[in-house]
Amino acid sequence: MDDEPLIRSGLAAVLRSEDDLLVVGEAGDGADVLDLVGRTAPDVVLMDVRMPGVDGIAATRALVRAGSAARVLVLTTFANDDHVVEALAAGADGFLLKRSSPEELLHGIRTVARGESLLFPDAVRELARRHVRAPDPAGAPGLDRLTAREQEVLRLMAEGLSNAEIAERLVLGVETVRSHVAAVLAKTGTRDRTQAVVLAYRSGFVG
């Protein structure tokens, strides 16, 4: 989803060069996102955060509200763009800079397609700062059900580490880490890693 045809064409060209990726649709306005996603059922949506009409934040929020299984990867020009933080709060699964290399783009898509989030610590901290006025341990009862290992995994998630990076840090298998992440989400009742991290900040578990 990008309002600039040249950027859409460039992204599509990169993706079509990969055997494991298939471009199922393009749109230049966030207003078309629900219909397009409903018709094409993509695994990942590349969403420009700034678009005329319905922007990427509103479009992401609409997808989440509709219960779409599509993962949303936000594209932005600047890492400190206020809209990125809002998009993550709306339910996006990560973000990439538009100046990222093709290799970084492909890595990002495959990362979120696996069910992981592509987060950067600075963005996560800013997200928490804006949406957490004061720590509220009582507002996150699920955290007290986490095992010591699950707590450790959640802290590393809050640092923006991927499953593979967490596995390397803790000397665990990636599948084991995935199981721990799934347990964290289930016990805290959160939709994805981003929301789990926000919950961790909101409760004062990390900060």
N, C-alpha and C. Protein backbone atom coordinates (compact mmCIF):
# COMPACT_ATOMS: atom_id res chain seq x y z
N MET A 1 0.85 -1.17 0.00
CA MET A 1 0.00 0.00 0.00
C MET A 1 0.90 1.24 0.00
N ASP A 2 0.91 1.95 -1.11
CA ASP A 2 1.70 3.17 -1.20
C ASP A 2 1.07 4.04 -2.26
N ASP A 3 1.02 5.36 -2.01
CA ASP A 3 0.35 6.24 -2.96
C ASP A 3 1.24 6.62 -4.14
N GLU A 4 2.51 6.22 -4.11
CA GLU A 4 3.42 6.54 -5.20
C GLU A 4 3.63 5.31 -6.10
N PRO A 5 3.13 5.36 -7.35
CA PRO A 5 3.22 4.21 -8.25
C PRO A 5 4.64 3.71 -8.46
N LEU A 6 5.61 4.63 -8.52
CA LEU A 6 6.99 4.23 -8.75
C LEU A 6 7.51 3.38 -7.60
N ILE A 7 7.17 3.75 -6.38
CA ILE A 7 7.60 2.97 -5.21
C ILE A 7 6.92 1.60 -5.22
N ARG A 8 5.62 1.57 -5.53
CA ARG A 8 4.91 0.30 -5.59
C ARG A 8 5.54 -0.62 -6.63
N SER A 9 5.88 -0.06 -7.79
CA SER A 9 6.48 -0.87 -8.85
C SER A 9 7.83 -1.41 -8.43
N GLY A 10 8.62 -0.57 -7.75
CA GLY A 10 9.93 -1.01 -7.29
C GLY A 10 9.84 -2.11 -6.27
N LEU A 11 8.93 -1.96 -5.32
CA LEU A 11 8.74 -2.99 -4.30
C LEU A 11 8.28 -4.30 -4.94
N ALA A 12 7.32 -4.19 -5.86
CA ALA A 12 6.80 -5.39 -6.52
C ALA A 12 7.89 -6.12 -7.29
N ALA A 13 8.77 -5.35 -7.93
CA ALA A 13 9.86 -5.96 -8.71
C ALA A 13 10.80 -6.75 -7.81
N VAL A 14 11.10 -6.19 -6.65
CA VAL A 14 11.97 -6.89 -5.70
C VAL A 14 11.31 -8.18 -5.22
N LEU A 15 10.04 -8.10 -4.88
CA LEU A 15 9.34 -9.27 -4.34
C LEU A 15 9.14 -10.36 -5.38
N ARG A 16 8.86 -9.96 -6.62
CA ARG A 16 8.62 -10.96 -7.66
C ARG A 16 9.89 -11.71 -8.06
N SER A 17 11.04 -11.22 -7.64
CA SER A 17 12.30 -11.91 -7.94
C SER A 17 12.55 -13.07 -6.99
N GLU A 18 11.70 -13.21 -5.97
CA GLU A 18 11.87 -14.26 -4.96
C GLU A 18 10.88 -15.40 -5.18
N ASP A 19 11.38 -16.63 -5.18
CA ASP A 19 10.52 -17.78 -5.45
C ASP A 19 9.48 -18.03 -4.37
N ASP A 20 9.78 -17.61 -3.13
CA ASP A 20 8.86 -17.91 -2.03
C ASP A 20 7.89 -16.77 -1.73
N LEU A 21 7.93 -15.72 -2.53
CA LEU A 21 7.05 -14.58 -2.31
C LEU A 21 6.17 -14.33 -3.53
N LEU A 22 4.92 -13.95 -3.28
CA LEU A 22 3.97 -13.69 -4.36
C LEU A 22 3.22 -12.39 -4.07
N VAL A 23 3.26 -11.47 -5.04
CA VAL A 23 2.53 -10.22 -4.91
C VAL A 23 1.09 -10.47 -5.35
N VAL A 24 0.14 -10.29 -4.44
CA VAL A 24 -1.26 -10.60 -4.77
C VAL A 24 -2.11 -9.36 -5.01
N GLY A 25 -1.53 -8.16 -4.78
CA GLY A 25 -2.30 -6.96 -5.03
C GLY A 25 -1.55 -5.70 -4.65
N GLU A 26 -2.02 -4.58 -5.18
CA GLU A 26 -1.44 -3.27 -4.88
C GLU A 26 -2.57 -2.26 -4.69
N ALA A 27 -2.31 -1.24 -3.88
CA ALA A 27 -3.29 -0.18 -3.68
C ALA A 27 -2.57 1.12 -3.39
N GLY A 28 -3.18 2.22 -3.77
CA GLY A 28 -2.57 3.53 -3.56
C GLY A 28 -3.27 4.35 -2.50
N ASP A 29 -4.28 3.77 -1.85
CA ASP A 29 -5.03 4.50 -0.84
C ASP A 29 -5.46 3.53 0.24
N GLY A 30 -5.33 3.95 1.49
CA GLY A 30 -5.72 3.09 2.60
C GLY A 30 -7.18 2.71 2.58
N ALA A 31 -7.99 3.50 1.88
CA ALA A 31 -9.43 3.21 1.82
C ALA A 31 -9.70 1.89 1.12
N ASP A 32 -8.77 1.44 0.29
CA ASP A 32 -8.97 0.20 -0.46
C ASP A 32 -8.47 -1.03 0.28
N VAL A 33 -7.85 -0.84 1.44
CA VAL A 33 -7.14 -1.93 2.08
C VAL A 33 -8.04 -3.08 2.51
N LEU A 34 -9.16 -2.78 3.15
CA LEU A 34 -10.02 -3.86 3.63
C LEU A 34 -10.55 -4.72 2.49
N ASP A 35 -11.01 -4.08 1.43
CA ASP A 35 -11.54 -4.82 0.29
C ASP A 35 -10.45 -5.66 -0.36
N LEU A 36 -9.27 -5.06 -0.57
CA LEU A 36 -8.17 -5.77 -1.22
C LEU A 36 -7.70 -6.94 -0.38
N VAL A 37 -7.52 -6.73 0.91
CA VAL A 37 -7.07 -7.81 1.79
C VAL A 37 -8.13 -8.90 1.87
N GLY A 38 -9.39 -8.50 1.89
CA GLY A 38 -10.47 -9.49 1.93
C GLY A 38 -10.50 -10.36 0.69
N ARG A 39 -10.17 -9.77 -0.47
CA ARG A 39 -10.21 -10.51 -1.73
C ARG A 39 -8.97 -11.35 -1.97
N THR A 40 -7.82 -10.89 -1.46
CA THR A 40 -6.56 -11.55 -1.81
C THR A 40 -5.95 -12.36 -0.67
N ALA A 41 -6.39 -12.13 0.57
CA ALA A 41 -5.92 -12.85 1.75
C ALA A 41 -4.40 -12.94 1.82
N PRO A 42 -3.70 -11.82 1.86
CA PRO A 42 -2.23 -11.86 1.92
C PRO A 42 -1.74 -12.27 3.31
N ASP A 43 -0.53 -12.78 3.38
CA ASP A 43 0.09 -13.08 4.67
C ASP A 43 0.66 -11.81 5.28
N VAL A 44 1.18 -10.91 4.42
CA VAL A 44 1.81 -9.68 4.88
C VAL A 44 1.33 -8.51 4.02
N VAL A 45 1.06 -7.39 4.68
CA VAL A 45 0.70 -6.15 3.99
C VAL A 45 1.82 -5.14 4.23
N LEU A 46 2.41 -4.63 3.14
CA LEU A 46 3.38 -3.54 3.24
C LEU A 46 2.59 -2.25 3.21
N MET A 47 2.64 -1.49 4.29
CA MET A 47 1.77 -0.33 4.44
C MET A 47 2.58 0.96 4.57
N ASP A 48 2.39 1.87 3.63
CA ASP A 48 3.00 3.19 3.75
C ASP A 48 2.26 3.91 4.88
N VAL A 49 3.00 4.43 5.83
CA VAL A 49 2.36 5.06 6.98
C VAL A 49 1.69 6.38 6.61
N ARG A 50 2.21 7.06 5.59
CA ARG A 50 1.64 8.34 5.17
C ARG A 50 1.02 8.22 3.78
N MET A 51 -0.29 8.29 3.71
CA MET A 51 -0.99 8.23 2.44
C MET A 51 -2.13 9.24 2.47
N PRO A 52 -2.51 9.77 1.30
CA PRO A 52 -3.65 10.69 1.26
C PRO A 52 -4.94 9.94 1.55
N GLY A 53 -5.93 10.64 2.01
CA GLY A 53 -7.19 9.98 2.33
C GLY A 53 -7.03 9.21 3.62
N VAL A 54 -7.25 7.91 3.55
CA VAL A 54 -7.09 7.03 4.71
C VAL A 54 -5.62 6.65 4.82
N ASP A 55 -4.96 7.07 5.90
CA ASP A 55 -3.52 6.81 6.01
C ASP A 55 -3.26 5.39 6.54
N GLY A 56 -1.97 5.06 6.62
CA GLY A 56 -1.59 3.71 7.03
C GLY A 56 -2.00 3.36 8.44
N ILE A 57 -2.08 4.35 9.32
CA ILE A 57 -2.49 4.10 10.71
C ILE A 57 -3.94 3.67 10.76
N ALA A 58 -4.81 4.44 10.11
CA ALA A 58 -6.23 4.12 10.09
C ALA A 58 -6.48 2.80 9.38
N ALA A 59 -5.74 2.55 8.30
CA ALA A 59 -5.91 1.30 7.56
C ALA A 59 -5.49 0.10 8.41
N THR A 60 -4.39 0.26 9.15
CA THR A 60 -3.93 -0.82 10.04
C THR A 60 -4.96 -1.07 11.13
N ARG A 61 -5.47 -0.01 11.70
CA ARG A 61 -6.48 -0.15 12.76
C ARG A 61 -7.72 -0.87 12.23
N ALA A 62 -8.10 -0.55 10.98
CA ALA A 62 -9.28 -1.18 10.38
C ALA A 62 -9.05 -2.68 10.16
N LEU A 63 -7.84 -3.05 9.75
CA LEU A 63 -7.53 -4.46 9.56
C LEU A 63 -7.61 -5.23 10.87
N VAL A 64 -7.03 -4.65 11.92
CA VAL A 64 -7.05 -5.30 13.23
C VAL A 64 -8.48 -5.43 13.73
N ARG A 65 -9.25 -4.37 13.57
CA ARG A 65 -10.65 -4.38 14.03
C ARG A 65 -11.46 -5.44 13.28
N ALA A 66 -11.13 -5.64 12.01
CA ALA A 66 -11.85 -6.62 11.20
C ALA A 66 -11.40 -8.06 11.47
N GLY A 67 -10.37 -8.21 12.30
CA GLY A 67 -9.90 -9.54 12.63
C GLY A 67 -9.05 -10.17 11.54
N SER A 68 -8.45 -9.36 10.69
CA SER A 68 -7.63 -9.89 9.60
C SER A 68 -6.40 -10.62 10.15
N ALA A 69 -6.06 -11.72 9.49
CA ALA A 69 -4.88 -12.49 9.87
C ALA A 69 -3.61 -11.94 9.23
N ALA A 70 -3.77 -10.97 8.32
CA ALA A 70 -2.61 -10.40 7.62
C ALA A 70 -1.71 -9.66 8.60
N ARG A 71 -0.41 -9.84 8.43
CA ARG A 71 0.57 -9.12 9.24
C ARG A 71 0.87 -7.79 8.54
N VAL A 72 1.05 -6.73 9.31
CA VAL A 72 1.26 -5.40 8.72
C VAL A 72 2.68 -4.93 9.00
N LEU A 73 3.40 -4.65 7.91
CA LEU A 73 4.75 -4.11 8.00
C LEU A 73 4.71 -2.69 7.45
N VAL A 74 4.96 -1.73 8.32
CA VAL A 74 4.85 -0.32 7.96
C VAL A 74 6.13 0.18 7.31
N LEU A 75 5.97 0.96 6.25
CA LEU A 75 7.11 1.58 5.57
C LEU A 75 7.11 3.08 5.88
N THR A 76 8.26 3.60 6.24
CA THR A 76 8.35 5.00 6.60
C THR A 76 9.66 5.61 6.12
N THR A 77 9.67 6.91 5.99
CA THR A 77 10.88 7.61 5.55
C THR A 77 11.85 7.84 6.70
N PHE A 78 11.31 8.10 7.89
CA PHE A 78 12.15 8.42 9.04
C PHE A 78 11.85 7.48 10.21
N ALA A 79 12.91 7.00 10.87
CA ALA A 79 12.75 6.08 11.99
C ALA A 79 12.03 6.72 13.16
N ASN A 80 12.19 8.03 13.31
CA ASN A 80 11.56 8.72 14.45
C ASN A 80 10.24 9.37 14.06
N ASP A 81 9.67 8.93 12.97
CA ASP A 81 8.38 9.44 12.52
C ASP A 81 7.32 9.14 13.58
N ASP A 82 6.61 10.19 14.02
CA ASP A 82 5.56 9.99 15.01
C ASP A 82 4.51 8.98 14.55
N HIS A 83 4.29 8.95 13.24
CA HIS A 83 3.28 8.05 12.71
C HIS A 83 3.64 6.58 12.90
N VAL A 84 4.94 6.27 12.96
CA VAL A 84 5.37 4.89 13.17
C VAL A 84 4.89 4.40 14.53
N VAL A 85 5.09 5.23 15.55
CA VAL A 85 4.67 4.87 16.90
C VAL A 85 3.16 4.65 16.93
N GLU A 86 2.42 5.52 16.26
CA GLU A 86 0.97 5.37 16.23
C GLU A 86 0.55 4.12 15.48
N ALA A 87 1.28 3.79 14.42
CA ALA A 87 0.96 2.58 13.65
C ALA A 87 1.20 1.33 14.48
N LEU A 88 2.28 1.31 15.26
CA LEU A 88 2.55 0.18 16.14
C LEU A 88 1.46 0.06 17.19
N ALA A 89 1.03 1.19 17.71
CA ALA A 89 -0.05 1.18 18.70
C ALA A 89 -1.35 0.68 18.08
N ALA A 90 -1.52 0.94 16.78
CA ALA A 90 -2.74 0.50 16.08
C ALA A 90 -2.73 -0.99 15.78
N GLY A 91 -1.56 -1.62 15.91
CA GLY A 91 -1.49 -3.06 15.69
C GLY A 91 -0.52 -3.53 14.62
N ALA A 92 0.29 -2.61 14.05
CA ALA A 92 1.28 -3.02 13.05
C ALA A 92 2.31 -3.95 13.70
N ASP A 93 2.87 -4.83 12.90
CA ASP A 93 3.80 -5.84 13.42
C ASP A 93 5.26 -5.43 13.30
N GLY A 94 5.51 -4.25 12.77
CA GLY A 94 6.88 -3.78 12.66
C GLY A 94 6.98 -2.69 11.62
N PHE A 95 8.19 -2.18 11.44
CA PHE A 95 8.37 -1.14 10.44
C PHE A 95 9.75 -1.23 9.80
N LEU A 96 9.83 -0.69 8.60
CA LEU A 96 11.08 -0.62 7.84
C LEU A 96 11.22 0.78 7.25
N LEU A 97 12.45 1.23 7.12
CA LEU A 97 12.69 2.50 6.46
C LEU A 97 12.63 2.29 4.95
N LYS A 98 12.12 3.29 4.23
CA LYS A 98 12.03 3.17 2.78
C LYS A 98 13.41 3.10 2.12
N ARG A 99 14.43 3.56 2.84
CA ARG A 99 15.77 3.48 2.28
C ARG A 99 16.45 2.14 2.57
N SER A 100 15.71 1.21 3.17
CA SER A 100 16.27 -0.11 3.45
C SER A 100 16.68 -0.80 2.17
N SER A 101 17.67 -1.66 2.26
CA SER A 101 18.12 -2.41 1.09
C SER A 101 17.10 -3.49 0.74
N PRO A 102 17.14 -4.01 -0.49
CA PRO A 102 16.25 -5.11 -0.85
C PRO A 102 16.38 -6.29 0.10
N GLU A 103 17.61 -6.57 0.55
CA GLU A 103 17.84 -7.68 1.47
C GLU A 103 17.12 -7.44 2.81
N GLU A 104 17.17 -6.19 3.28
CA GLU A 104 16.50 -5.85 4.54
C GLU A 104 14.99 -5.94 4.39
N LEU A 105 14.49 -5.53 3.23
CA LEU A 105 13.06 -5.61 2.96
C LEU A 105 12.60 -7.06 2.98
N LEU A 106 13.32 -7.91 2.29
CA LEU A 106 12.95 -9.33 2.22
C LEU A 106 13.03 -9.99 3.59
N HIS A 107 14.07 -9.64 4.34
CA HIS A 107 14.21 -10.17 5.70
C HIS A 107 13.03 -9.73 6.57
N GLY A 108 12.64 -8.47 6.44
CA GLY A 108 11.53 -7.95 7.23
C GLY A 108 10.22 -8.65 6.91
N ILE A 109 9.95 -8.86 5.64
CA ILE A 109 8.72 -9.54 5.23
C ILE A 109 8.69 -10.97 5.75
N ARG A 110 9.79 -11.67 5.60
CA ARG A 110 9.85 -13.06 6.06
C ARG A 110 9.75 -13.14 7.58
N THR A 111 10.30 -12.14 8.26
CA THR A 111 10.24 -12.12 9.72
C THR A 111 8.80 -12.01 10.22
N VAL A 112 8.05 -11.04 9.68
CA VAL A 112 6.67 -10.88 10.15
C VAL A 112 5.78 -12.01 9.63
N ALA A 113 6.11 -12.58 8.47
CA ALA A 113 5.33 -13.69 7.94
C ALA A 113 5.44 -14.92 8.85
N ARG A 114 6.58 -15.04 9.55
CA ARG A 114 6.77 -16.15 10.50
C ARG A 114 6.02 -15.93 11.81
N GLY A 115 5.38 -14.77 11.93
CA GLY A 115 4.66 -14.49 13.16
C GLY A 115 5.45 -13.67 14.15
N GLU A 116 6.64 -13.23 13.76
CA GLU A 116 7.45 -12.39 14.63
C GLU A 116 7.16 -10.92 14.34
N SER A 117 7.70 -10.06 15.18
CA SER A 117 7.56 -8.62 14.97
C SER A 117 8.91 -8.02 14.64
N LEU A 118 8.90 -7.01 13.80
CA LEU A 118 10.14 -6.32 13.43
C LEU A 118 10.13 -4.98 14.16
N LEU A 119 10.72 -5.01 15.35
CA LEU A 119 10.70 -3.83 16.21
C LEU A 119 12.10 -3.33 16.49
N PHE A 120 12.19 -2.05 16.77
CA PHE A 120 13.46 -1.45 17.16
C PHE A 120 13.28 -0.85 18.55
N PRO A 121 14.25 -1.06 19.44
CA PRO A 121 14.10 -0.62 20.83
C PRO A 121 13.66 0.82 21.00
N ASP A 122 14.21 1.73 20.21
CA ASP A 122 13.85 3.15 20.36
C ASP A 122 12.36 3.37 20.10
N ALA A 123 11.84 2.71 19.07
CA ALA A 123 10.43 2.86 18.73
C ALA A 123 9.55 2.25 19.81
N VAL A 124 9.97 1.11 20.34
CA VAL A 124 9.20 0.45 21.39
C VAL A 124 9.16 1.33 22.64
N ARG A 125 10.30 1.88 23.01
CA ARG A 125 10.34 2.75 24.19
C ARG A 125 9.47 3.99 24.00
N GLU A 126 9.50 4.56 22.79
CA GLU A 126 8.67 5.74 22.53
C GLU A 126 7.19 5.37 22.56
N LEU A 127 6.88 4.18 22.02
CA LEU A 127 5.50 3.70 22.05
C LEU A 127 5.02 3.58 23.50
N ALA A 128 5.86 2.99 24.34
CA ALA A 128 5.50 2.83 25.74
C ALA A 128 5.38 4.19 26.43
N ARG A 129 6.30 5.09 26.14
CA ARG A 129 6.29 6.40 26.79
C ARG A 129 4.98 7.15 26.51
N ARG A 130 4.49 7.01 25.30
CA ARG A 130 3.29 7.77 24.92
C ARG A 130 2.01 7.14 25.46
N HIS A 131 2.03 5.82 25.59
CA HIS A 131 0.78 5.15 25.94
C HIS A 131 0.76 4.62 27.37
N VAL A 132 1.82 4.87 28.13
CA VAL A 132 1.86 4.43 29.52
C VAL A 132 2.15 5.64 30.40
N ARG A 133 1.16 6.14 31.06
CA ARG A 133 1.34 7.32 31.89
C ARG A 133 2.09 6.99 33.18
N ALA A 134 1.75 5.86 33.80
CA ALA A 134 2.42 5.44 35.03
C ALA A 134 2.28 3.94 35.13
N PRO A 135 3.30 3.24 35.66
CA PRO A 135 3.22 1.79 35.80
C PRO A 135 2.00 1.37 36.60
N ASP A 136 1.34 0.32 36.14
CA ASP A 136 0.15 -0.18 36.82
C ASP A 136 0.20 -1.70 36.88
N PRO A 137 0.90 -2.25 37.89
CA PRO A 137 1.04 -3.70 38.00
C PRO A 137 -0.31 -4.42 38.04
N ALA A 138 -1.30 -3.79 38.63
CA ALA A 138 -2.62 -4.42 38.75
C ALA A 138 -3.30 -4.56 37.40
N GLY A 139 -2.85 -3.78 36.41
CA GLY A 139 -3.47 -3.82 35.10
C GLY A 139 -2.96 -4.93 34.20
N ALA A 140 -2.06 -5.77 34.72
CA ALA A 140 -1.49 -6.86 33.91
C ALA A 140 -1.37 -8.13 34.76
N PRO A 141 -2.52 -8.71 35.16
CA PRO A 141 -2.47 -9.89 36.03
C PRO A 141 -1.78 -11.10 35.41
N GLY A 142 -1.78 -11.19 34.08
CA GLY A 142 -1.17 -12.35 33.44
C GLY A 142 0.33 -12.46 33.64
N LEU A 143 0.98 -11.35 33.95
CA LEU A 143 2.44 -11.37 34.10
C LEU A 143 2.89 -12.23 35.27
N ASP A 144 2.08 -12.32 36.30
CA ASP A 144 2.49 -13.11 37.47
C ASP A 144 2.39 -14.60 37.22
N ARG A 145 1.87 -14.97 36.06
CA ARG A 145 1.78 -16.39 35.71
C ARG A 145 2.96 -16.84 34.86
N LEU A 146 3.79 -15.91 34.45
CA LEU A 146 4.92 -16.25 33.60
C LEU A 146 6.00 -16.98 34.40
N THR A 147 6.61 -17.99 33.79
CA THR A 147 7.75 -18.65 34.41
C THR A 147 8.96 -17.72 34.35
N ALA A 148 10.01 -18.07 35.06
CA ALA A 148 11.22 -17.26 35.04
C ALA A 148 11.77 -17.14 33.63
N ARG A 149 11.73 -18.22 32.86
CA ARG A 149 12.23 -18.19 31.49
C ARG A 149 11.36 -17.32 30.61
N GLU A 150 10.04 -17.41 30.77
CA GLU A 150 9.13 -16.59 29.99
C GLU A 150 9.32 -15.10 30.30
N GLN A 151 9.58 -14.78 31.56
CA GLN A 151 9.87 -13.40 31.93
C GLN A 151 11.14 -12.91 31.24
N GLU A 152 12.13 -13.79 31.18
CA GLU A 152 13.39 -13.44 30.53
C GLU A 152 13.16 -13.17 29.05
N VAL A 153 12.35 -14.02 28.43
CA VAL A 153 12.03 -13.86 27.01
C VAL A 153 11.28 -12.55 26.77
N LEU A 154 10.35 -12.22 27.63
CA LEU A 154 9.58 -10.98 27.48
C LEU A 154 10.50 -9.76 27.58
N ARG A 155 11.45 -9.79 28.49
CA ARG A 155 12.39 -8.67 28.62
C ARG A 155 13.20 -8.49 27.34
N LEU A 156 13.59 -9.60 26.73
CA LEU A 156 14.36 -9.51 25.48
C LEU A 156 13.47 -9.09 24.32
N MET A 157 12.20 -9.48 24.34
CA MET A 157 11.25 -8.98 23.35
C MET A 157 11.16 -7.46 23.44
N ALA A 158 11.17 -6.96 24.68
CA ALA A 158 11.08 -5.51 24.89
C ALA A 158 12.32 -4.78 24.38
N GLU A 159 13.42 -5.51 24.24
CA GLU A 159 14.63 -4.93 23.66
C GLU A 159 14.58 -4.92 22.14
N GLY A 160 13.52 -5.54 21.57
CA GLY A 160 13.38 -5.58 20.12
C GLY A 160 14.04 -6.77 19.47
N LEU A 161 14.43 -7.78 20.26
CA LEU A 161 15.13 -8.93 19.69
C LEU A 161 14.16 -9.88 19.00
N SER A 162 14.62 -10.48 17.92
CA SER A 162 13.83 -11.49 17.20
C SER A 162 13.96 -12.82 17.92
N ASN A 163 13.17 -13.81 17.49
CA ASN A 163 13.27 -15.13 18.10
C ASN A 163 14.68 -15.71 17.95
N ALA A 164 15.27 -15.53 16.78
CA ALA A 164 16.61 -16.07 16.55
C ALA A 164 17.63 -15.38 17.46
N GLU A 165 17.46 -14.06 17.65
CA GLU A 165 18.39 -13.33 18.52
C GLU A 165 18.21 -13.71 19.98
N ILE A 166 16.96 -13.95 20.37
CA ILE A 166 16.70 -14.39 21.74
C ILE A 166 17.30 -15.78 21.95
N ALA A 167 17.12 -16.64 20.96
CA ALA A 167 17.67 -17.99 21.05
C ALA A 167 19.18 -17.95 21.23
N GLU A 168 19.84 -17.08 20.48
CA GLU A 168 21.29 -16.96 20.59
C GLU A 168 21.70 -16.41 21.95
N ARG A 169 20.96 -15.42 22.44
CA ARG A 169 21.30 -14.81 23.73
C ARG A 169 21.13 -15.81 24.88
N LEU A 170 20.08 -16.62 24.82
CA LEU A 170 19.77 -17.54 25.92
C LEU A 170 20.30 -18.96 25.68
N VAL A 171 20.93 -19.16 24.53
CA VAL A 171 21.46 -20.48 24.14
C VAL A 171 20.32 -21.50 24.15
N LEU A 172 19.28 -21.19 23.39
CA LEU A 172 18.12 -22.06 23.24
C LEU A 172 17.86 -22.29 21.76
N GLY A 173 17.03 -23.27 21.45
CA GLY A 173 16.60 -23.47 20.08
C GLY A 173 15.55 -22.44 19.71
N VAL A 174 15.46 -22.11 18.43
CA VAL A 174 14.47 -21.11 17.99
C VAL A 174 13.05 -21.61 18.26
N GLU A 175 12.81 -22.90 18.05
CA GLU A 175 11.47 -23.43 18.31
C GLU A 175 11.10 -23.32 19.78
N THR A 176 12.10 -23.51 20.65
CA THR A 176 11.85 -23.35 22.09
C THR A 176 11.47 -21.92 22.41
N VAL A 177 12.16 -20.97 21.79
CA VAL A 177 11.84 -19.56 21.99
C VAL A 177 10.44 -19.27 21.49
N ARG A 178 10.09 -19.81 20.33
CA ARG A 178 8.74 -19.59 19.80
C ARG A 178 7.68 -20.08 20.79
N SER A 179 7.96 -21.20 21.42
CA SER A 179 7.02 -21.75 22.40
C SER A 179 6.89 -20.82 23.60
N HIS A 180 8.02 -20.26 24.04
CA HIS A 180 7.99 -19.32 25.16
C HIS A 180 7.22 -18.05 24.79
N VAL A 181 7.44 -17.55 23.58
CA VAL A 181 6.73 -16.35 23.13
C VAL A 181 5.23 -16.62 23.09
N ALA A 182 4.86 -17.78 22.54
CA ALA A 182 3.44 -18.14 22.48
C ALA A 182 2.83 -18.21 23.87
N ALA A 183 3.59 -18.73 24.82
CA ALA A 183 3.11 -18.81 26.20
C ALA A 183 2.93 -17.43 26.81
N VAL A 184 3.86 -16.53 26.51
CA VAL A 184 3.77 -15.15 27.00
C VAL A 184 2.49 -14.50 26.48
N LEU A 185 2.23 -14.65 25.18
CA LEU A 185 1.04 -14.04 24.58
C LEU A 185 -0.23 -14.64 25.17
N ALA A 186 -0.24 -15.97 25.34
CA ALA A 186 -1.43 -16.63 25.87
C ALA A 186 -1.71 -16.22 27.31
N LYS A 187 -0.67 -16.18 28.13
CA LYS A 187 -0.86 -15.88 29.55
C LYS A 187 -1.20 -14.41 29.79
N THR A 188 -0.70 -13.53 28.93
CA THR A 188 -0.98 -12.10 29.11
C THR A 188 -2.21 -11.65 28.32
N GLY A 189 -2.74 -12.55 27.48
CA GLY A 189 -3.92 -12.22 26.70
C GLY A 189 -3.67 -11.14 25.66
N THR A 190 -2.44 -11.09 25.13
CA THR A 190 -2.09 -10.08 24.14
C THR A 190 -2.12 -10.66 22.73
N ARG A 191 -2.40 -9.79 21.76
CA ARG A 191 -2.56 -10.23 20.37
C ARG A 191 -1.24 -10.60 19.72
N ASP A 192 -0.19 -9.81 20.02
CA ASP A 192 1.10 -10.05 19.37
C ASP A 192 2.22 -9.51 20.24
N ARG A 193 3.45 -9.59 19.71
CA ARG A 193 4.62 -9.19 20.49
C ARG A 193 4.58 -7.71 20.86
N THR A 194 4.13 -6.88 19.93
CA THR A 194 4.07 -5.45 20.20
C THR A 194 3.19 -5.16 21.40
N GLN A 195 1.99 -5.74 21.42
CA GLN A 195 1.07 -5.51 22.52
C GLN A 195 1.60 -6.10 23.83
N ALA A 196 2.31 -7.21 23.74
CA ALA A 196 2.91 -7.81 24.95
C ALA A 196 3.96 -6.87 25.54
N VAL A 197 4.74 -6.26 24.67
CA VAL A 197 5.78 -5.34 25.14
C VAL A 197 5.16 -4.10 25.76
N VAL A 198 4.12 -3.56 25.14
CA VAL A 198 3.43 -2.41 25.71
C VAL A 198 2.88 -2.76 27.09
N LEU A 199 2.32 -3.95 27.21
CA LEU A 199 1.80 -4.41 28.50
C LEU A 199 2.92 -4.47 29.54
N ALA A 200 4.09 -4.95 29.10
CA ALA A 200 5.22 -5.05 30.02
C ALA A 200 5.64 -3.67 30.52
N TYR A 201 5.64 -2.69 29.63
CA TYR A 201 5.96 -1.32 30.04
C TYR A 201 4.86 -0.75 30.93
N ARG A 202 3.61 -0.99 30.54
CA ARG A 202 2.49 -0.42 31.28
C ARG A 202 2.47 -0.90 32.73
N SER A 203 2.86 -2.14 32.94
CA SER A 203 2.83 -2.72 34.27
C SER A 203 4.07 -2.38 35.10
N GLY A 204 5.08 -1.83 34.43
CA GLY A 204 6.34 -1.56 35.12
C GLY A 204 7.26 -2.76 35.14
N PHE A 205 6.87 -3.82 34.43
CA PHE A 205 7.70 -5.03 34.36
C PHE A 205 9.05 -4.71 33.71
N VAL A 206 9.02 -3.86 32.69
CA VAL A 206 10.25 -3.31 32.11
C VAL A 206 10.06 -1.80 32.04
N GLY A 207 11.15 -1.07 31.91
CA GLY A 207 11.01 0.37 31.83
C GLY A 207 12.33 1.08 32.06
